[in-house]
């Protein structure tokens, strides 16, 4: 163990016994005969834990605690006290002590408490590291792009992140709406609280009210116990309502109240609870059209649309495609442990010319697939699915040889491409080529097409 412990007691026998027991457990231990000596040691080096008596000449344990917490707040302190001084120990806990132990000292109890403190400190540190990693992962500066359209998104995230304003993020499926929502959360004052994501279209209409607001036992058939909803789970943090346009109309009025009045009522009760959450919603539909069609409440639309961030499609930010492709390549070659140096020029041209119906998500999936199948140091056209590979022009064709041979070469190439486009389904290929299935089989044999 690398943990350093300082034992402070004016009785030498207690100091020595405690040091012996702690060292036998693998801890690094130093000793001090009073609070002043201990404080001077703390000024020189960091200790993970101080175990100190309360009543000592020169400087009491309570004064040492105060000075240590001022100098090095990360140091844990266990107070040793007699039963008659229990109130003093409790006061020390209020002032920052981590724990206390009563005299006569039970060494096993002390070891358990010390180890538990270190476990808690490790968990806190791990949690802090994870939070920082998540923060880096969802930092808006890590949203890839340099186009004017995406830079405008960055500026809006910067402006809105540290407010509590409700945000509506609109854009096609696959453009990264949740990534933007998380970037807003992790750059806000609420970053250390939870980000709770709710897909409004994935929960059945019968359950979504209970899931969102919670319910009391007996509120409906199957409600065998109280349940906290998503709003309660996001207490102090952010509630992300993905595809809010899918929310049933009868629930929209209750959500409006939660956003507007900052309170909500669980199913099966009349008691209102505070809703200390920030609401961020997304939609891939035109909500103004949904309002006109009567499928979405107008008052809720205006309440969630305090700030709208519209995410551009890849067609609107084509210059970002190479950046995104290389970003995903770097991500998946590390994840899949593949030694791939880059993407060749033909592939990049194919990516730039492709119509990205699935937006950034489709691009990411294509690059992941290419990394899986790549055999060389660069991703080539062979590593892409046929839907991405550009068809060769009919005029890019060799005219050498006889007319009959040229027609056969063209026919073979044309049938092969049709088969690849239809994933080698012969029935679909014959239908697309507008020939009978038997004709296709005959052509395969004549042209020596092996599949």
Protein backbone atom coordinates (compact mmCIF):
# COMPACT_ATOMS: atom_id res chain seq x y z
CA UNK A 1 0.00 0.00 0.00
CA UNK A 2 1.15 3.54 -0.74
CA UNK A 3 -1.16 5.35 1.70
CA UNK A 4 0.66 7.51 4.23
CA UNK A 5 -0.74 7.76 7.77
CA UNK A 6 0.31 10.13 10.57
CA UNK A 7 -0.41 8.94 14.13
CA UNK A 8 -0.67 11.76 16.68
CA UNK A 9 -0.87 11.03 20.43
CA UNK A 10 0.97 12.34 23.49
CA UNK A 11 1.17 8.80 24.94
CA UNK A 12 4.15 6.96 23.49
CA UNK A 13 2.72 3.49 24.04
CA UNK A 14 -0.42 4.36 22.06
CA UNK A 15 1.65 5.90 19.25
CA UNK A 16 3.88 2.85 19.04
CA UNK A 17 1.06 0.31 19.21
CA UNK A 18 -1.01 2.09 16.54
CA UNK A 19 2.03 2.45 14.27
CA UNK A 20 2.91 -1.25 14.65
CA UNK A 21 -0.64 -2.40 13.80
CA UNK A 22 -0.97 -0.06 10.81
CA UNK A 23 2.47 -0.94 9.42
CA UNK A 24 1.62 -4.64 9.72
CA UNK A 25 -1.32 -3.90 7.36
CA UNK A 26 1.06 -2.40 4.80
CA UNK A 27 0.54 1.32 5.48
CA UNK A 28 3.40 3.84 5.61
CA UNK A 29 3.27 5.37 9.10
CA UNK A 30 4.87 8.38 10.81
CA UNK A 31 4.39 9.49 14.42
CA UNK A 32 3.99 12.83 16.22
CA UNK A 33 3.80 13.41 19.99
CA UNK A 34 1.48 16.42 19.81
CA UNK A 35 -0.59 18.57 17.46
CA UNK A 36 2.12 21.16 16.83
CA UNK A 37 4.70 18.56 15.73
CA UNK A 38 2.03 16.93 13.56
CA UNK A 39 1.11 20.23 11.93
CA UNK A 40 4.75 20.93 11.06
CA UNK A 41 4.95 17.51 9.40
CA UNK A 42 1.77 18.20 7.42
CA UNK A 43 3.29 21.47 6.17
CA UNK A 44 6.24 19.51 4.79
CA UNK A 45 4.45 16.56 3.14
CA UNK A 46 1.04 15.14 2.27
CA UNK A 47 -0.60 12.47 4.45
CA UNK A 48 -3.62 10.50 3.24
CA UNK A 49 -4.89 9.98 6.80
CA UNK A 50 -4.22 11.50 10.23
CA UNK A 51 -5.27 9.57 13.33
CA UNK A 52 -5.17 11.96 16.27
CA UNK A 53 -6.10 12.12 19.93
CA UNK A 54 -8.24 15.08 20.99
CA UNK A 55 -6.72 15.97 24.37
CA UNK A 56 -3.01 16.81 23.96
CA UNK A 57 -0.76 19.55 25.36
CA UNK A 58 0.27 22.41 23.07
CA UNK A 59 -2.30 21.88 20.32
CA UNK A 60 -5.48 19.83 20.71
CA UNK A 61 -6.70 17.42 18.07
CA UNK A 62 -9.62 19.70 17.19
CA UNK A 63 -7.26 22.61 16.46
CA UNK A 64 -5.03 20.30 14.42
CA UNK A 65 -8.10 19.19 12.45
CA UNK A 66 -9.00 22.81 11.64
CA UNK A 67 -5.47 23.65 10.49
CA UNK A 68 -5.08 20.46 8.45
CA UNK A 69 -8.39 20.99 6.63
CA UNK A 70 -7.34 24.54 5.82
CA UNK A 71 -3.91 23.43 4.57
CA UNK A 72 -4.77 20.13 2.84
CA UNK A 73 -8.53 19.44 2.50
CA UNK A 74 -7.88 16.04 0.84
CA UNK A 75 -6.38 14.61 4.05
CA UNK A 76 -8.80 12.40 6.00
CA UNK A 77 -8.82 12.68 9.82
CA UNK A 78 -9.93 10.10 12.40
CA UNK A 79 -10.41 11.46 15.92
CA UNK A 80 -9.54 9.32 18.99
CA UNK A 81 -11.69 10.22 21.95
CA UNK A 82 -12.78 8.98 25.37
CA UNK A 83 -16.46 8.18 25.85
CA UNK A 84 -16.88 11.29 28.01
CA UNK A 85 -15.67 13.51 25.14
CA UNK A 86 -18.11 12.10 22.60
CA UNK A 87 -19.79 15.48 22.06
CA UNK A 88 -16.41 16.94 21.11
CA UNK A 89 -15.90 14.12 18.58
CA UNK A 90 -19.33 14.77 17.04
CA UNK A 91 -18.47 18.47 16.79
CA UNK A 92 -15.22 17.47 15.06
CA UNK A 93 -17.23 15.44 12.51
CA UNK A 94 -19.23 18.57 11.71
CA UNK A 95 -15.96 20.44 11.19
CA UNK A 96 -14.54 18.00 8.68
CA UNK A 97 -13.32 14.90 10.55
CA UNK A 98 -13.95 11.72 8.56
CA UNK A 99 -14.65 9.44 11.54
CA UNK A 100 -13.93 8.88 15.24
CA UNK A 101 -12.96 5.96 17.44
CA UNK A 102 -13.47 5.50 21.17
CA UNK A 103 -10.88 4.58 23.80
CA UNK A 104 -9.87 1.92 24.63
CA UNK A 105 -8.95 1.49 20.96
CA UNK A 106 -10.10 -1.67 19.18
CA UNK A 107 -7.37 -2.18 16.60
CA UNK A 108 -9.53 -4.27 14.28
CA UNK A 109 -12.17 -1.53 14.23
CA UNK A 110 -9.54 1.10 13.48
CA UNK A 111 -8.12 -0.92 10.56
CA UNK A 112 -11.62 -1.44 9.11
CA UNK A 113 -12.39 2.29 9.35
CA UNK A 114 -9.07 3.30 7.80
CA UNK A 115 -9.47 0.90 4.88
CA UNK A 116 -13.06 2.00 4.34
CA UNK A 117 -11.96 5.65 4.19
CA UNK A 118 -9.35 4.83 1.56
CA UNK A 119 -11.90 2.88 -0.47
CA UNK A 120 -14.27 5.88 -0.36
CA UNK A 121 -11.45 8.25 -1.36
CA UNK A 122 -10.57 5.96 -4.30
CA UNK A 123 -14.21 5.89 -5.42
CA UNK A 124 -14.45 9.69 -5.19
CA UNK A 125 -11.26 10.06 -7.22
CA UNK A 126 -12.46 7.52 -9.78
CA UNK A 127 -15.80 9.31 -10.03
CA UNK A 128 -14.01 12.64 -10.51
CA UNK A 129 -11.82 11.18 -13.26
CA UNK A 130 -14.87 9.66 -14.99
CA UNK A 131 -16.74 12.98 -14.79
CA UNK A 132 -13.76 14.78 -16.30
CA UNK A 133 -13.51 12.15 -19.05
CA UNK A 134 -17.22 12.51 -19.83
CA UNK A 135 -16.81 16.29 -19.82
CA UNK A 136 -13.95 16.01 -22.34
CA UNK A 137 -15.94 13.54 -24.45
CA UNK A 138 -18.91 15.88 -24.69
CA UNK A 139 -17.04 19.18 -24.77
CA UNK A 140 -18.56 21.15 -27.66
CA UNK A 141 -15.04 21.74 -28.98
CA UNK A 142 -14.91 17.98 -29.69
CA UNK A 143 -17.93 18.18 -31.98
CA UNK A 144 -16.06 17.77 -35.25
CA UNK A 145 -16.30 20.41 -37.95
CA UNK A 146 -15.00 23.71 -39.26
CA UNK A 147 -17.84 24.73 -41.60
CA UNK A 148 -19.71 27.97 -40.97
CA UNK A 149 -22.88 25.96 -40.25
CA UNK A 150 -21.29 23.91 -37.44
CA UNK A 151 -19.40 26.91 -36.04
CA UNK A 152 -22.76 28.60 -35.60
CA UNK A 153 -23.87 25.57 -33.53
CA UNK A 154 -20.73 25.94 -31.36
CA UNK A 155 -21.52 29.59 -30.69
CA UNK A 156 -25.09 28.78 -29.68
CA UNK A 157 -23.92 26.04 -27.29
CA UNK A 158 -21.46 28.49 -25.69
CA UNK A 159 -24.17 31.11 -25.27
CA UNK A 160 -26.86 28.83 -23.82
CA UNK A 161 -24.86 26.24 -21.83
CA UNK A 162 -24.53 28.09 -18.53
CA UNK A 163 -28.15 29.23 -18.41
CA UNK A 164 -31.19 27.25 -17.29
CA UNK A 165 -33.16 28.10 -20.45
CA UNK A 166 -35.08 25.34 -22.17
CA UNK A 167 -33.49 24.34 -25.48
CA UNK A 168 -35.03 22.72 -28.55
CA UNK A 169 -32.56 20.92 -30.82
CA UNK A 170 -33.92 20.23 -34.30
CA UNK A 171 -32.45 18.37 -37.24
CA UNK A 172 -32.61 15.15 -39.20
CA UNK A 173 -32.06 11.78 -37.52
CA UNK A 174 -28.35 11.06 -37.24
CA UNK A 175 -27.13 14.66 -37.15
CA UNK A 176 -25.96 14.41 -33.52
CA UNK A 177 -28.76 16.00 -31.51
CA UNK A 178 -28.02 14.05 -28.32
CA UNK A 179 -24.31 14.90 -28.61
CA UNK A 180 -25.23 18.61 -28.62
CA UNK A 181 -27.61 18.13 -25.66
CA UNK A 182 -24.84 16.44 -23.65
CA UNK A 183 -22.38 19.18 -24.65
CA UNK A 184 -24.81 21.76 -23.24
CA UNK A 185 -25.20 19.77 -19.99
CA UNK A 186 -21.50 19.09 -19.42
CA UNK A 187 -20.63 22.75 -19.99
CA UNK A 188 -23.31 24.00 -17.58
CA UNK A 189 -23.51 24.56 -13.83
CA UNK A 190 -25.42 21.27 -13.65
CA UNK A 191 -22.50 19.21 -15.03
CA UNK A 192 -21.95 17.32 -11.75
CA UNK A 193 -25.58 16.14 -11.63
CA UNK A 194 -27.24 13.54 -13.83
CA UNK A 195 -28.06 13.78 -17.52
CA UNK A 196 -31.17 11.63 -17.97
CA UNK A 197 -32.19 10.77 -21.53
CA UNK A 198 -35.77 9.77 -22.35
CA UNK A 199 -36.81 8.58 -25.80
CA UNK A 200 -40.42 9.75 -25.97
CA UNK A 201 -41.19 7.44 -28.88
CA UNK A 202 -39.76 4.29 -27.31
CA UNK A 203 -42.05 4.17 -24.25
CA UNK A 204 -45.63 2.95 -24.66
CA UNK A 205 -48.36 5.56 -24.38
CA UNK A 206 -49.79 3.79 -21.31
CA UNK A 207 -46.52 3.96 -19.39
CA UNK A 208 -44.90 7.23 -20.37
CA UNK A 209 -46.72 9.36 -17.76
CA UNK A 210 -45.65 7.01 -14.97
CA UNK A 211 -42.10 6.79 -16.36
CA UNK A 212 -41.79 10.57 -16.56
CA UNK A 213 -43.52 11.68 -13.37
CA UNK A 214 -43.38 8.52 -11.24
CA UNK A 215 -46.31 6.94 -9.44
CA UNK A 216 -47.59 5.98 -5.99
CA UNK A 217 -48.26 2.42 -4.92
CA UNK A 218 -51.73 1.31 -6.08
CA UNK A 219 -52.09 4.15 -8.62
CA UNK A 220 -52.96 1.56 -11.29
CA UNK A 221 -52.93 -2.19 -11.83
CA UNK A 222 -49.36 -3.39 -11.46
CA UNK A 223 -48.18 -0.43 -9.37
CA UNK A 224 -47.04 -2.61 -6.46
CA UNK A 225 -44.72 0.03 -5.00
CA UNK A 226 -43.87 3.72 -5.23
CA UNK A 227 -41.70 4.64 -8.22
CA UNK A 228 -39.66 7.74 -8.89
CA UNK A 229 -39.90 9.05 -12.45
CA UNK A 230 -37.31 10.49 -14.81
CA UNK A 231 -37.86 14.03 -13.50
CA UNK A 232 -36.90 12.94 -9.99
CA UNK A 233 -33.95 10.95 -11.35
CA UNK A 234 -32.65 14.11 -13.05
CA UNK A 235 -32.93 16.21 -9.87
CA UNK A 236 -30.46 19.10 -10.10
CA UNK A 237 -29.35 18.00 -13.57
CA UNK A 238 -30.75 17.84 -17.10
CA UNK A 239 -33.75 15.95 -18.49
CA UNK A 240 -33.27 15.22 -22.18
CA UNK A 241 -36.55 14.56 -24.01
CA UNK A 242 -35.57 12.91 -27.29
CA UNK A 243 -38.13 13.17 -30.12
CA UNK A 244 -40.61 15.17 -28.06
CA UNK A 245 -43.00 15.27 -31.03
CA UNK A 246 -43.85 11.62 -30.22
CA UNK A 247 -45.26 12.55 -26.79
CA UNK A 248 -49.01 11.81 -26.46
CA UNK A 249 -51.22 14.97 -26.48
CA UNK A 250 -52.74 14.28 -23.03
CA UNK A 251 -49.27 14.23 -21.49
CA UNK A 252 -48.11 17.42 -23.19
CA UNK A 253 -50.21 19.62 -20.87
CA UNK A 254 -48.63 17.99 -17.78
CA UNK A 255 -45.15 18.45 -19.21
CA UNK A 256 -45.97 22.11 -19.91
CA UNK A 257 -46.80 22.59 -16.22
CA UNK A 258 -43.57 20.90 -15.15
CA UNK A 259 -41.52 23.21 -17.37
CA UNK A 260 -43.51 26.35 -16.66
CA UNK A 261 -44.24 25.99 -12.94
CA UNK A 262 -41.19 23.86 -12.09
CA UNK A 263 -43.38 21.28 -10.35
CA UNK A 264 -45.09 18.01 -11.21
CA UNK A 265 -47.54 15.52 -9.71
CA UNK A 266 -46.78 11.76 -9.65
CA UNK A 267 -49.55 9.45 -10.88
CA UNK A 268 -51.91 8.47 -8.07
CA UNK A 269 -51.31 11.49 -5.82
CA UNK A 270 -52.41 15.12 -5.57
CA UNK A 271 -49.20 16.32 -3.97
CA UNK A 272 -47.00 18.47 -6.23
CA UNK A 273 -43.22 18.05 -6.09
CA UNK A 274 -40.56 20.55 -7.19
CA UNK A 275 -38.92 19.93 -10.58
CA UNK A 276 -35.36 21.22 -10.25
CA UNK A 277 -34.23 20.14 -13.71
CA UNK A 278 -33.23 21.74 -16.97
CA UNK A 279 -35.25 20.57 -19.97
CA UNK A 280 -33.65 19.96 -23.37
CA UNK A 281 -35.81 18.52 -26.15
CA UNK A 282 -35.14 17.30 -29.68
CA UNK A 283 -37.25 16.78 -32.76
CA UNK A 284 -36.66 15.58 -36.32
CA UNK A 285 -40.10 16.83 -37.33
CA UNK A 286 -41.23 20.36 -38.10
CA UNK A 287 -43.02 21.22 -34.85
CA UNK A 288 -44.74 24.25 -36.39
CA UNK A 289 -46.38 21.89 -38.88
CA UNK A 290 -47.24 19.51 -36.02
CA UNK A 291 -48.92 22.41 -34.17
CA UNK A 292 -50.94 23.34 -37.28
CA UNK A 293 -52.00 19.71 -37.67
CA UNK A 294 -53.19 19.65 -34.03
CA UNK A 295 -50.74 16.96 -32.97
CA UNK A 296 -48.59 19.19 -30.76
CA UNK A 297 -49.70 21.85 -28.27
CA UNK A 298 -48.88 25.39 -29.35
CA UNK A 299 -48.21 26.59 -25.78
CA UNK A 300 -45.79 23.71 -25.16
CA UNK A 301 -44.03 24.43 -28.44
CA UNK A 302 -43.36 28.03 -27.43
CA UNK A 303 -42.30 26.96 -23.93
CA UNK A 304 -39.66 24.48 -25.13
CA UNK A 305 -38.56 26.69 -28.01
CA UNK A 306 -36.93 29.41 -25.89
CA UNK A 307 -33.71 28.69 -27.78
CA UNK A 308 -33.67 26.54 -30.92
CA UNK A 309 -30.44 25.00 -32.18
CA UNK A 310 -30.91 23.62 -35.68
CA UNK A 311 -28.33 21.03 -36.68
CA UNK A 312 -27.24 21.18 -40.32
CA UNK A 313 -27.34 18.09 -42.53
CA UNK A 314 -24.11 16.76 -44.05
CA UNK A 315 -25.22 18.24 -47.37
CA UNK A 316 -25.05 21.67 -45.72
CA UNK A 317 -21.57 21.00 -44.30
CA UNK A 318 -19.85 18.90 -46.98
CA UNK A 319 -16.45 20.37 -46.11
CA UNK A 320 -16.72 18.62 -42.72
CA UNK A 321 -17.02 15.12 -44.26
CA UNK A 322 -13.22 14.52 -44.51
CA UNK A 323 -12.77 15.75 -40.92
CA UNK A 324 -15.55 13.49 -39.66
CA UNK A 325 -14.29 10.50 -41.65
CA UNK A 326 -10.77 10.87 -40.22
CA UNK A 327 -12.18 11.43 -36.73
CA UNK A 328 -14.15 8.16 -36.90
CA UNK A 329 -11.15 6.38 -38.45
CA UNK A 330 -8.99 7.44 -35.49
CA UNK A 331 -11.72 6.35 -33.07
CA UNK A 332 -12.25 2.86 -34.52
CA UNK A 333 -8.67 1.97 -35.36
CA UNK A 334 -7.89 2.47 -31.67
CA UNK A 335 -11.01 0.65 -30.54
CA UNK A 336 -10.49 -2.26 -32.94
CA UNK A 337 -6.68 -2.22 -32.65
CA UNK A 338 -6.13 -1.94 -36.42
CA UNK A 339 -2.96 -0.46 -37.92
CA UNK A 340 -4.60 1.78 -40.55
CA UNK A 341 -2.81 4.96 -41.61
CA UNK A 342 -5.59 6.69 -43.49
CA UNK A 343 -8.25 6.85 -46.18
CA UNK A 344 -7.25 6.81 -49.85
CA UNK A 345 -8.35 9.55 -52.26
CA UNK A 346 -10.87 7.42 -54.19
CA UNK A 347 -12.68 6.57 -50.94
CA UNK A 348 -12.76 10.22 -49.86
CA UNK A 349 -14.23 11.20 -53.24
CA UNK A 350 -16.87 8.47 -52.83
CA UNK A 351 -17.74 9.76 -49.35
CA UNK A 352 -18.03 13.34 -50.63
CA UNK A 353 -20.31 12.27 -53.51
CA UNK A 354 -22.58 10.01 -51.46
CA UNK A 355 -26.07 11.13 -50.43
CA UNK A 356 -26.00 10.71 -46.65
CA UNK A 357 -29.61 9.87 -45.84
CA UNK A 358 -28.52 8.61 -42.40
CA UNK A 359 -26.38 11.71 -41.81
CA UNK A 360 -23.36 11.59 -39.45
CA UNK A 361 -24.52 8.32 -37.88
CA UNK A 362 -24.44 6.60 -41.29
CA UNK A 363 -20.96 8.01 -41.99
CA UNK A 364 -19.71 6.69 -38.64
CA UNK A 365 -21.15 3.23 -39.36
CA UNK A 366 -19.53 3.15 -42.82
CA UNK A 367 -16.09 4.02 -41.40
CA UNK A 368 -16.44 1.45 -38.59
CA UNK A 369 -17.33 -1.21 -41.17
CA UNK A 370 -14.41 -0.18 -43.38
CA UNK A 371 -11.97 -0.44 -40.47
CA UNK A 372 -13.26 -3.96 -39.73
CA UNK A 373 -12.76 -5.16 -43.32
CA UNK A 374 -9.61 -3.19 -44.23
CA UNK A 375 -6.66 -5.47 -45.03
CA UNK A 376 -4.04 -2.84 -45.89
CA UNK A 377 -2.70 0.34 -44.36
CA UNK A 378 -5.31 2.49 -46.11
CA UNK A 379 -9.06 2.16 -46.48
CA UNK A 380 -9.87 1.49 -50.16
CA UNK A 381 -13.05 1.21 -52.20
CA UNK A 382 -13.00 -2.55 -51.62
CA UNK A 383 -13.61 -1.91 -47.91
CA UNK A 384 -16.80 0.07 -48.54
CA UNK A 385 -20.31 -1.36 -49.05
CA UNK A 386 -21.54 -1.29 -52.65
CA UNK A 387 -24.06 1.43 -51.81
CA UNK A 388 -21.15 3.84 -51.32
CA UNK A 389 -18.92 2.75 -54.21
CA UNK A 390 -19.54 4.96 -57.27
CA UNK A 391 -20.73 3.12 -60.38
CA UNK A 392 -18.31 3.23 -63.28
CA UNK A 393 -19.45 5.27 -66.23
CA UNK A 394 -20.58 3.35 -69.28
CA UNK A 395 -18.17 5.43 -71.32
CA UNK A 396 -15.18 4.43 -69.18
CA UNK A 397 -14.95 1.21 -71.15
CA UNK A 398 -12.27 -0.54 -73.21
CA UNK A 399 -13.09 -0.75 -76.93
CA UNK A 400 -10.33 -3.24 -77.74
CA UNK A 401 -11.29 -6.53 -79.34
CA UNK A 402 -14.34 -7.47 -81.37
CA UNK A 403 -17.81 -6.03 -80.85
CA UNK A 404 -19.02 -9.40 -79.56
CA UNK A 405 -16.24 -9.59 -76.94
CA UNK A 406 -16.83 -5.99 -75.83
CA UNK A 407 -20.56 -6.57 -75.44
CA UNK A 408 -19.86 -9.69 -73.36
CA UNK A 409 -17.44 -7.77 -71.11
CA UNK A 410 -19.99 -4.99 -70.64
CA UNK A 411 -22.83 -7.47 -70.02
CA UNK A 412 -20.77 -9.38 -67.44
CA UNK A 413 -19.77 -6.20 -65.61
CA UNK A 414 -23.35 -4.87 -65.68
CA UNK A 415 -24.84 -8.10 -64.26
CA UNK A 416 -22.13 -8.33 -61.59
CA UNK A 417 -22.87 -4.78 -60.40
CA UNK A 418 -26.60 -5.48 -60.34
CA UNK A 419 -25.97 -8.61 -58.24
CA UNK A 420 -23.76 -6.67 -55.82
CA UNK A 421 -26.36 -3.90 -55.50
CA UNK A 422 -28.96 -6.54 -54.59
CA UNK A 423 -26.62 -8.41 -52.23
CA UNK A 424 -26.52 -11.35 -54.70
CA UNK A 425 -30.26 -11.99 -54.46
CA UNK A 426 -30.95 -13.48 -57.92
CA UNK A 427 -34.73 -12.96 -57.82
CA UNK A 428 -34.36 -9.23 -57.03
CA UNK A 429 -31.57 -8.87 -59.60
CA UNK A 430 -33.66 -10.49 -62.36
CA UNK A 431 -36.58 -8.25 -61.46
CA UNK A 432 -34.37 -5.14 -61.57
CA UNK A 433 -32.85 -6.17 -64.92
CA UNK A 434 -36.37 -6.92 -66.21
CA UNK A 435 -35.46 -10.45 -67.32
CA UNK A 436 -36.79 -13.81 -66.26
CA UNK A 437 -34.97 -15.73 -63.55
CA UNK A 438 -34.15 -18.53 -66.00
CA UNK A 439 -32.66 -15.93 -68.38
CA UNK A 440 -30.45 -14.61 -65.60
CA UNK A 441 -29.24 -18.13 -64.75
CA UNK A 442 -28.45 -18.73 -68.43
CA UNK A 443 -26.47 -15.48 -68.61
CA UNK A 444 -24.53 -16.37 -65.48
CA UNK A 445 -23.49 -19.63 -67.09
CA UNK A 446 -22.71 -18.10 -70.52
CA UNK A 447 -20.59 -15.29 -69.03
CA UNK A 448 -18.90 -17.58 -66.48
CA UNK A 449 -20.04 -15.49 -63.50
CA UNK A 450 -19.18 -17.44 -60.35
CA UNK A 451 -21.24 -16.50 -57.25
